[in-house]
């Protein structure tokens, strides 16, 4: 089977690695020629074994193409055999054109998201035109944490009242005071999450709140004694707020987890000092170097009446990938594998008056939890 990975920077390379581990022929595309080095370094080579059990490492089971822009990516897709799935980790300004090309040409497509308005545009177009499954906002947050929340809603077997989703990528050891943080992904995206408004569900109605508000203490069983905090940031809830509202949930929110003190320090720089974005980027790039490795924390609480479903997950780094790479790339790859295998194709619900065709625009509730977890285990993540 063939997986096309668009953008092979930090996240795209980890996606390519995961799809290779699943046995896919991986094709990567990127506008950066240096990205070509990522594929042979990070994606496994094909191994063969003779009758005596001797293993031989052959040529990489993958390809890489340098492209100029989104239009060139579409031409590149058209010039080769149709892939079983396209996975995009492209910048948001390139995503919509590629997604719509895949929709028009009946190619299964998923992406990491990054901009609510872009994802909404893709989903609206797919609702009208798609014949193959389409899944946007499918990484860590949004993505994995939303899948966990949906599973919690299924498991409590009663009306859900409250859904709390939290995720944090933090240094494995508290460093770089007073921010107590180390950069693990796009600083530009990080700042946008802090500064942008957030949509939450409160008393059954959507409400807009400012980023970095809603500060609360957080604890993790496996990090006993470590003081953590969480606060609202944009994007992580994705379309969960709308789906939870339709389900009748009263309260639903997404928050980012950090070491204690981070929110007040960054809030001062953004809201009191009113630093320009370029200055903020300099603060994070030069003052928050990652010297200790990272961990990713996921925490979900779903409650209805007197029943509460809780899940805590910690992902660690290794010598090959950071925890943020693994948590983000491996989760989208786990769903992409199911998409490529046709799991979501031509889904129907049986009905007395006739089968009902289910939407091809996928939601987090559509992801089969056991199969998703089995795929993560193949990649070395235990739930």
Protein backbone atom coordinates (compact mmCIF):
# COMPACT_ATOMS: atom_id res chain seq x y z
CA UNK A 1 0.00 0.00 0.00
CA UNK A 2 1.11 3.56 -0.66
CA UNK A 3 1.07 6.58 1.69
CA UNK A 4 1.86 10.06 0.45
CA UNK A 5 3.26 12.35 3.17
CA UNK A 6 3.20 16.07 2.40
CA UNK A 7 5.78 18.09 4.31
CA UNK A 8 8.60 16.04 5.82
CA UNK A 9 9.88 18.35 8.52
CA UNK A 10 9.84 17.22 12.13
CA UNK A 11 6.26 15.95 12.17
CA UNK A 12 6.17 14.71 8.58
CA UNK A 13 9.32 12.68 9.05
CA UNK A 14 7.84 10.93 12.09
CA UNK A 15 4.65 10.26 10.09
CA UNK A 16 6.72 8.78 7.26
CA UNK A 17 8.54 6.59 9.79
CA UNK A 18 5.24 5.37 11.28
CA UNK A 19 3.67 4.55 7.90
CA UNK A 20 6.84 2.69 6.92
CA UNK A 21 6.59 0.68 10.15
CA UNK A 22 3.05 -0.23 9.13
CA UNK A 23 4.44 -1.61 5.86
CA UNK A 24 3.46 1.20 3.50
CA UNK A 25 5.48 2.40 0.55
CA UNK A 26 6.11 6.01 1.60
CA UNK A 27 6.34 8.94 -0.80
CA UNK A 28 7.36 12.30 0.68
CA UNK A 29 7.01 15.78 -0.80
CA UNK A 30 8.44 19.04 0.52
CA UNK A 31 9.40 22.49 -0.72
CA UNK A 32 12.64 22.33 1.30
CA UNK A 33 15.43 20.37 -0.47
CA UNK A 34 17.09 19.69 2.92
CA UNK A 35 14.03 17.70 3.93
CA UNK A 36 15.16 15.00 1.51
CA UNK A 37 17.78 14.00 4.09
CA UNK A 38 15.09 13.24 6.67
CA UNK A 39 13.60 10.29 4.79
CA UNK A 40 16.66 8.00 4.55
CA UNK A 41 17.78 8.94 8.08
CA UNK A 42 14.47 8.35 9.86
CA UNK A 43 12.50 5.92 7.69
CA UNK A 44 13.53 2.29 7.87
CA UNK A 45 15.12 0.54 4.94
CA UNK A 46 13.52 -2.55 3.48
CA UNK A 47 14.85 -5.80 4.93
CA UNK A 48 14.91 -9.19 3.22
CA UNK A 49 15.65 -12.56 4.79
CA UNK A 50 17.10 -15.62 3.06
CA UNK A 51 16.30 -19.26 3.77
CA UNK A 52 18.97 -19.42 6.49
CA UNK A 53 17.52 -16.40 8.31
CA UNK A 54 20.20 -13.93 7.28
CA UNK A 55 18.84 -10.39 6.99
CA UNK A 56 19.93 -7.99 4.27
CA UNK A 57 19.15 -4.27 4.31
CA UNK A 58 18.23 -3.08 0.86
CA UNK A 59 17.13 0.17 -0.70
CA UNK A 60 14.76 2.43 1.23
CA UNK A 61 11.11 1.59 0.74
CA UNK A 62 10.32 5.21 0.03
CA UNK A 63 10.72 8.13 -2.34
CA UNK A 64 11.11 11.89 -2.01
CA UNK A 65 10.21 14.74 -4.37
CA UNK A 66 11.04 18.43 -4.09
CA UNK A 67 8.06 20.63 -4.97
CA UNK A 68 7.55 24.37 -5.33
CA UNK A 69 4.09 24.98 -3.88
CA UNK A 70 0.62 23.48 -3.41
CA UNK A 71 -0.06 23.50 -7.15
CA UNK A 72 3.16 21.59 -7.75
CA UNK A 73 2.16 19.08 -5.08
CA UNK A 74 -1.12 18.47 -6.90
CA UNK A 75 0.72 17.97 -10.19
CA UNK A 76 3.04 15.54 -8.41
CA UNK A 77 0.11 13.52 -7.09
CA UNK A 78 -1.44 13.42 -10.55
CA UNK A 79 1.80 12.18 -12.13
CA UNK A 80 1.94 8.95 -10.11
CA UNK A 81 -0.23 6.01 -9.19
CA UNK A 82 -3.02 7.08 -6.85
CA UNK A 83 -1.97 6.67 -3.19
CA UNK A 84 -4.11 4.80 -0.67
CA UNK A 85 -3.99 7.83 1.63
CA UNK A 86 -2.58 11.36 1.64
CA UNK A 87 -1.34 12.71 4.99
CA UNK A 88 -0.61 16.43 5.18
CA UNK A 89 1.65 18.18 7.67
CA UNK A 90 1.86 21.22 5.40
CA UNK A 91 1.53 24.83 6.59
CA UNK A 92 -2.12 25.85 6.83
CA UNK A 93 -1.89 28.20 3.83
CA UNK A 94 -1.10 25.23 1.54
CA UNK A 95 -3.50 22.73 3.06
CA UNK A 96 -6.83 23.73 1.51
CA UNK A 97 -5.72 23.53 -2.14
CA UNK A 98 -4.21 20.07 -1.68
CA UNK A 99 -7.20 18.81 0.33
CA UNK A 100 -9.65 19.96 -2.33
CA UNK A 101 -7.55 18.30 -5.04
CA UNK A 102 -7.75 15.01 -3.12
CA UNK A 103 -11.49 15.43 -2.65
CA UNK A 104 -12.04 16.09 -6.36
CA UNK A 105 -9.94 13.06 -7.30
CA UNK A 106 -11.41 10.63 -4.78
CA UNK A 107 -8.26 10.24 -2.67
CA UNK A 108 -8.48 9.57 1.07
CA UNK A 109 -7.04 12.58 2.89
CA UNK A 110 -6.15 13.61 6.46
CA UNK A 111 -4.14 16.45 8.00
CA UNK A 112 -2.76 17.83 11.25
CA UNK A 113 -4.88 20.98 10.94
CA UNK A 114 -3.61 24.19 12.46
CA UNK A 115 -6.28 26.71 11.54
CA UNK A 116 -9.95 26.37 12.46
CA UNK A 117 -11.18 28.37 9.45
CA UNK A 118 -9.10 26.28 7.00
CA UNK A 119 -10.38 23.00 8.44
CA UNK A 120 -13.96 24.27 8.32
CA UNK A 121 -13.49 25.26 4.67
CA UNK A 122 -12.14 21.80 3.79
CA UNK A 123 -14.91 20.00 5.67
CA UNK A 124 -17.62 22.13 4.06
CA UNK A 125 -16.19 21.41 0.59
CA UNK A 126 -15.87 17.70 1.41
CA UNK A 127 -19.47 17.50 2.65
CA UNK A 128 -20.65 18.60 -0.79
CA UNK A 129 -18.12 16.82 -3.00
CA UNK A 130 -16.15 14.03 -1.31
CA UNK A 131 -16.63 10.35 -2.13
CA UNK A 132 -13.70 9.10 -0.08
CA UNK A 133 -13.08 9.68 3.66
CA UNK A 134 -11.67 13.06 4.72
CA UNK A 135 -10.34 13.80 8.23
CA UNK A 136 -8.97 17.19 9.30
CA UNK A 137 -7.42 18.30 12.63
CA UNK A 138 -5.99 14.89 13.32
CA UNK A 139 -2.81 15.12 15.39
CA UNK A 140 -2.39 15.39 19.15
CA UNK A 141 -4.57 18.36 20.09
CA UNK A 142 -6.70 18.47 18.11
CA UNK A 143 -6.68 14.75 17.41
CA UNK A 144 -5.70 12.12 19.96
CA UNK A 145 -7.13 13.96 22.97
CA UNK A 146 -10.48 14.41 21.18
CA UNK A 147 -10.58 10.70 20.33
CA UNK A 148 -10.05 9.96 24.03
CA UNK A 149 -12.90 12.31 24.96
CA UNK A 150 -15.26 10.57 22.54
CA UNK A 151 -14.35 7.19 23.99
CA UNK A 152 -15.12 8.50 27.47
CA UNK A 153 -18.56 9.59 26.27
CA UNK A 154 -19.20 6.08 24.94
CA UNK A 155 -18.03 4.30 28.10
CA UNK A 156 -20.02 6.06 30.84
CA UNK A 157 -23.31 4.84 29.32
CA UNK A 158 -25.38 7.84 30.33
CA UNK A 159 -25.99 11.46 29.48
CA UNK A 160 -22.67 13.32 29.50
CA UNK A 161 -22.57 16.61 31.40
CA UNK A 162 -18.92 17.67 31.39
CA UNK A 163 -15.90 17.03 29.14
CA UNK A 164 -12.43 18.31 30.06
CA UNK A 165 -9.54 17.81 27.64
CA UNK A 166 -5.94 18.73 28.52
CA UNK A 167 -2.61 18.26 26.74
CA UNK A 168 0.88 19.53 27.45
CA UNK A 169 4.29 19.16 25.86
CA UNK A 170 6.82 20.06 28.55
CA UNK A 171 10.53 19.44 29.21
CA UNK A 172 11.21 16.12 30.95
CA UNK A 173 12.92 18.13 33.70
CA UNK A 174 11.81 21.62 34.71
CA UNK A 175 14.31 24.03 33.11
CA UNK A 176 14.55 27.56 31.69
CA UNK A 177 12.94 29.62 34.50
CA UNK A 178 10.82 31.65 34.76
CA UNK A 179 9.00 30.15 31.74
CA UNK A 180 9.81 26.58 32.84
CA UNK A 181 9.40 25.47 29.26
CA UNK A 182 11.32 24.09 26.28
CA UNK A 183 10.24 24.45 22.65
CA UNK A 184 9.11 21.18 21.06
CA UNK A 185 7.21 22.43 18.00
CA UNK A 186 6.43 25.56 15.96
CA UNK A 187 6.95 28.69 18.07
CA UNK A 188 4.70 30.58 15.66
CA UNK A 189 1.87 28.11 16.30
CA UNK A 190 2.52 28.18 20.04
CA UNK A 191 2.17 31.96 20.25
CA UNK A 192 -1.02 31.89 18.18
CA UNK A 193 -2.54 29.35 20.57
CA UNK A 194 -1.78 31.62 23.51
CA UNK A 195 -3.04 34.84 21.92
CA UNK A 196 -6.12 33.68 20.00
CA UNK A 197 -9.60 33.43 21.47
CA UNK A 198 -10.92 30.00 22.44
CA UNK A 199 -14.36 28.43 22.05
CA UNK A 200 -15.71 26.48 25.02
CA UNK A 201 -19.10 25.02 25.87
CA UNK A 202 -20.58 26.49 29.06
CA UNK A 203 -24.05 25.67 30.40
CA UNK A 204 -24.89 24.10 27.04
CA UNK A 205 -23.94 27.12 24.92
CA UNK A 206 -20.75 27.99 23.01
CA UNK A 207 -18.80 30.84 24.57
CA UNK A 208 -15.67 32.73 23.53
CA UNK A 209 -12.94 33.15 26.14
CA UNK A 210 -9.47 34.68 25.94
CA UNK A 211 -6.44 32.49 25.50
CA UNK A 212 -4.50 31.82 28.73
CA UNK A 213 -7.55 32.35 30.94
CA UNK A 214 -9.14 29.63 33.09
CA UNK A 215 -6.00 28.85 35.09
CA UNK A 216 -6.23 25.77 37.33
CA UNK A 217 -3.95 23.34 39.15
CA UNK A 218 -3.38 19.93 37.57
CA UNK A 219 -1.88 16.72 38.95
CA UNK A 220 -0.70 13.48 37.33
CA UNK A 221 -0.41 10.18 39.20
CA UNK A 222 2.90 9.35 37.49
CA UNK A 223 4.26 12.83 38.25
CA UNK A 224 3.38 12.87 41.93
CA UNK A 225 4.73 15.93 43.70
CA UNK A 226 5.23 17.96 40.51
CA UNK A 227 3.22 21.19 40.39
CA UNK A 228 1.44 21.62 37.07
CA UNK A 229 -1.13 24.08 35.76
CA UNK A 230 -3.54 24.30 32.83
CA UNK A 231 -5.24 27.15 30.97
CA UNK A 232 -7.31 27.76 27.84
CA UNK A 233 -5.54 27.81 24.48
CA UNK A 234 -7.07 27.89 21.03
CA UNK A 235 -7.48 25.10 18.51
CA UNK A 236 -7.27 22.00 20.68
CA UNK A 237 -11.02 21.54 21.04
CA UNK A 238 -11.49 21.64 17.25
CA UNK A 239 -14.96 20.40 16.24
CA UNK A 240 -15.45 18.61 19.58
CA UNK A 241 -17.33 21.61 20.96
CA UNK A 242 -19.98 21.38 18.22
CA UNK A 243 -20.32 17.60 18.49
CA UNK A 244 -20.57 17.78 22.29
CA UNK A 245 -23.21 20.51 22.04
CA UNK A 246 -25.29 18.30 19.72
CA UNK A 247 -24.94 15.47 22.23
CA UNK A 248 -26.38 17.67 24.97
CA UNK A 249 -23.15 18.14 26.93
CA UNK A 250 -23.30 21.15 29.26
CA UNK A 251 -19.60 22.00 29.57
CA UNK A 252 -16.66 21.18 27.27
CA UNK A 253 -13.21 22.76 27.17
CA UNK A 254 -9.62 22.26 26.11
CA UNK A 255 -6.61 23.46 28.13
CA UNK A 256 -2.83 23.32 27.77
CA UNK A 257 -0.71 21.85 30.58
CA UNK A 258 2.52 23.52 31.74
CA UNK A 259 4.80 23.60 34.77
CA UNK A 260 3.55 25.99 37.46
CA UNK A 261 4.38 29.63 36.78
CA UNK A 262 4.49 29.45 32.98
CA UNK A 263 1.13 31.05 32.37
CA UNK A 264 1.79 34.10 34.55
CA UNK A 265 5.24 34.68 33.03
CA UNK A 266 4.05 34.41 29.42
CA UNK A 267 0.87 36.32 30.21
CA UNK A 268 2.98 39.22 31.44
CA UNK A 269 5.00 39.27 28.20
CA UNK A 270 1.89 39.14 26.00
CA UNK A 271 -0.71 41.15 27.91
CA UNK A 272 1.20 43.56 30.13
CA UNK A 273 4.48 44.11 28.22
CA UNK A 274 2.59 43.73 24.91
CA UNK A 275 5.64 42.34 23.13
CA UNK A 276 5.43 42.07 19.36
CA UNK A 277 5.31 38.59 17.88
CA UNK A 278 8.94 38.79 16.68
CA UNK A 279 10.10 39.55 20.25
CA UNK A 280 8.05 36.69 21.66
CA UNK A 281 9.55 34.31 19.11
CA UNK A 282 13.02 35.44 20.19
CA UNK A 283 12.16 34.80 23.85
CA UNK A 284 11.04 31.24 23.13
CA UNK A 285 13.73 30.40 20.57
CA UNK A 286 16.64 31.72 22.63
CA UNK A 287 15.35 31.30 26.17
CA UNK A 288 13.60 27.94 25.94
CA UNK A 289 16.11 25.60 24.34
CA UNK A 290 15.27 21.93 24.83
CA UNK A 291 18.28 20.37 26.58
CA UNK A 292 16.64 17.58 28.56
CA UNK A 293 14.21 15.90 26.19
CA UNK A 294 10.45 16.22 26.52
CA UNK A 295 7.30 14.47 27.68
CA UNK A 296 3.72 14.83 26.47
CA UNK A 297 0.83 14.68 28.92
CA UNK A 298 -2.77 13.85 27.98
CA UNK A 299 -5.58 14.09 30.51
CA UNK A 300 -9.30 13.63 29.83
CA UNK A 301 -12.24 13.65 32.25
CA UNK A 302 -15.78 12.84 31.12
CA UNK A 303 -18.60 12.89 33.65
CA UNK A 304 -22.34 12.36 33.72
CA UNK A 305 -24.31 12.35 36.94
CA UNK A 306 -22.23 10.55 39.57
CA UNK A 307 -20.10 8.63 37.02
CA UNK A 308 -16.69 9.92 35.86
CA UNK A 309 -14.35 8.42 33.24
CA UNK A 310 -10.71 9.48 33.51
CA UNK A 311 -7.66 8.84 31.37
CA UNK A 312 -4.06 9.96 31.86
CA UNK A 313 -1.32 9.18 29.34
CA UNK A 314 2.36 10.15 29.35
CA UNK A 315 4.48 9.83 26.20
CA UNK A 316 8.27 10.03 26.52
CA UNK A 317 11.01 10.88 24.05
CA UNK A 318 13.64 8.51 22.67
CA UNK A 319 16.85 8.84 20.70
CA UNK A 320 14.97 8.96 17.40
CA UNK A 321 11.97 11.20 18.05
CA UNK A 322 10.80 13.72 20.61
CA UNK A 323 7.69 12.95 22.65
CA UNK A 324 5.83 15.69 20.76
CA UNK A 325 6.74 14.12 17.41
CA UNK A 326 5.60 10.69 18.57
CA UNK A 327 2.36 11.85 20.18
CA UNK A 328 1.38 13.96 17.17
CA UNK A 329 2.65 11.91 14.22
CA UNK A 330 1.90 8.44 15.53
CA UNK A 331 -1.71 9.31 16.35
CA UNK A 332 -2.51 10.64 12.85
CA UNK A 333 -0.66 7.67 11.34
CA UNK A 334 -2.74 5.24 13.38
CA UNK A 335 -5.93 6.66 11.86
CA UNK A 336 -4.38 7.07 8.39
CA UNK A 337 -3.60 3.34 8.37
CA UNK A 338 -7.27 2.56 8.99
CA UNK A 339 -8.30 5.01 6.28
CA UNK A 340 -5.90 3.51 3.74
CA UNK A 341 -7.15 0.02 4.49
CA UNK A 342 -10.70 1.10 3.63
CA UNK A 343 -12.09 0.93 7.17
CA UNK A 344 -14.15 4.11 6.69
CA UNK A 345 -15.15 3.53 3.04
CA UNK A 346 -18.86 3.26 2.21
CA UNK A 347 -19.97 3.04 5.84
CA UNK A 348 -23.65 2.38 6.43
CA UNK A 349 -26.00 2.10 9.39
CA UNK A 350 -28.73 -0.49 9.13
CA UNK A 351 -32.23 0.92 9.41
CA UNK A 352 -35.70 -0.60 9.11
CA UNK A 353 -36.51 1.65 6.19
CA UNK A 354 -33.15 0.97 4.50
CA UNK A 355 -29.45 1.41 5.10
CA UNK A 356 -28.27 4.95 5.89
CA UNK A 357 -24.98 6.02 4.29
CA UNK A 358 -22.69 7.63 6.85
CA UNK A 359 -20.76 10.84 6.10
CA UNK A 360 -17.31 10.65 4.51
CA UNK A 361 -16.24 13.70 6.52
CA UNK A 362 -14.95 11.89 9.59
CA UNK A 363 -15.27 12.90 13.22
CA UNK A 364 -13.42 11.78 16.32
CA UNK A 365 -16.35 9.57 17.35
CA UNK A 366 -15.84 7.53 14.16
CA UNK A 367 -12.41 6.26 15.24
CA UNK A 368 -12.51 2.65 16.55
CA UNK A 369 -10.72 2.94 19.87
CA UNK A 370 -9.30 -0.58 20.13
CA UNK A 371 -7.93 -0.59 16.58
CA UNK A 372 -6.49 2.89 17.10
CA UNK A 373 -4.70 1.75 20.26
CA UNK A 374 -3.45 -1.43 18.59
CA UNK A 375 -1.81 0.69 15.89
CA UNK A 376 -0.18 2.91 18.53
CA UNK A 377 1.19 -0.18 20.25
CA UNK A 378 2.80 -1.27 16.99
CA UNK A 379 4.64 2.06 17.07
CA UNK A 380 5.78 1.58 20.66
CA UNK A 381 3.18 3.64 22.55
CA UNK A 382 1.33 1.83 25.32
CA UNK A 383 -2.03 3.17 26.43
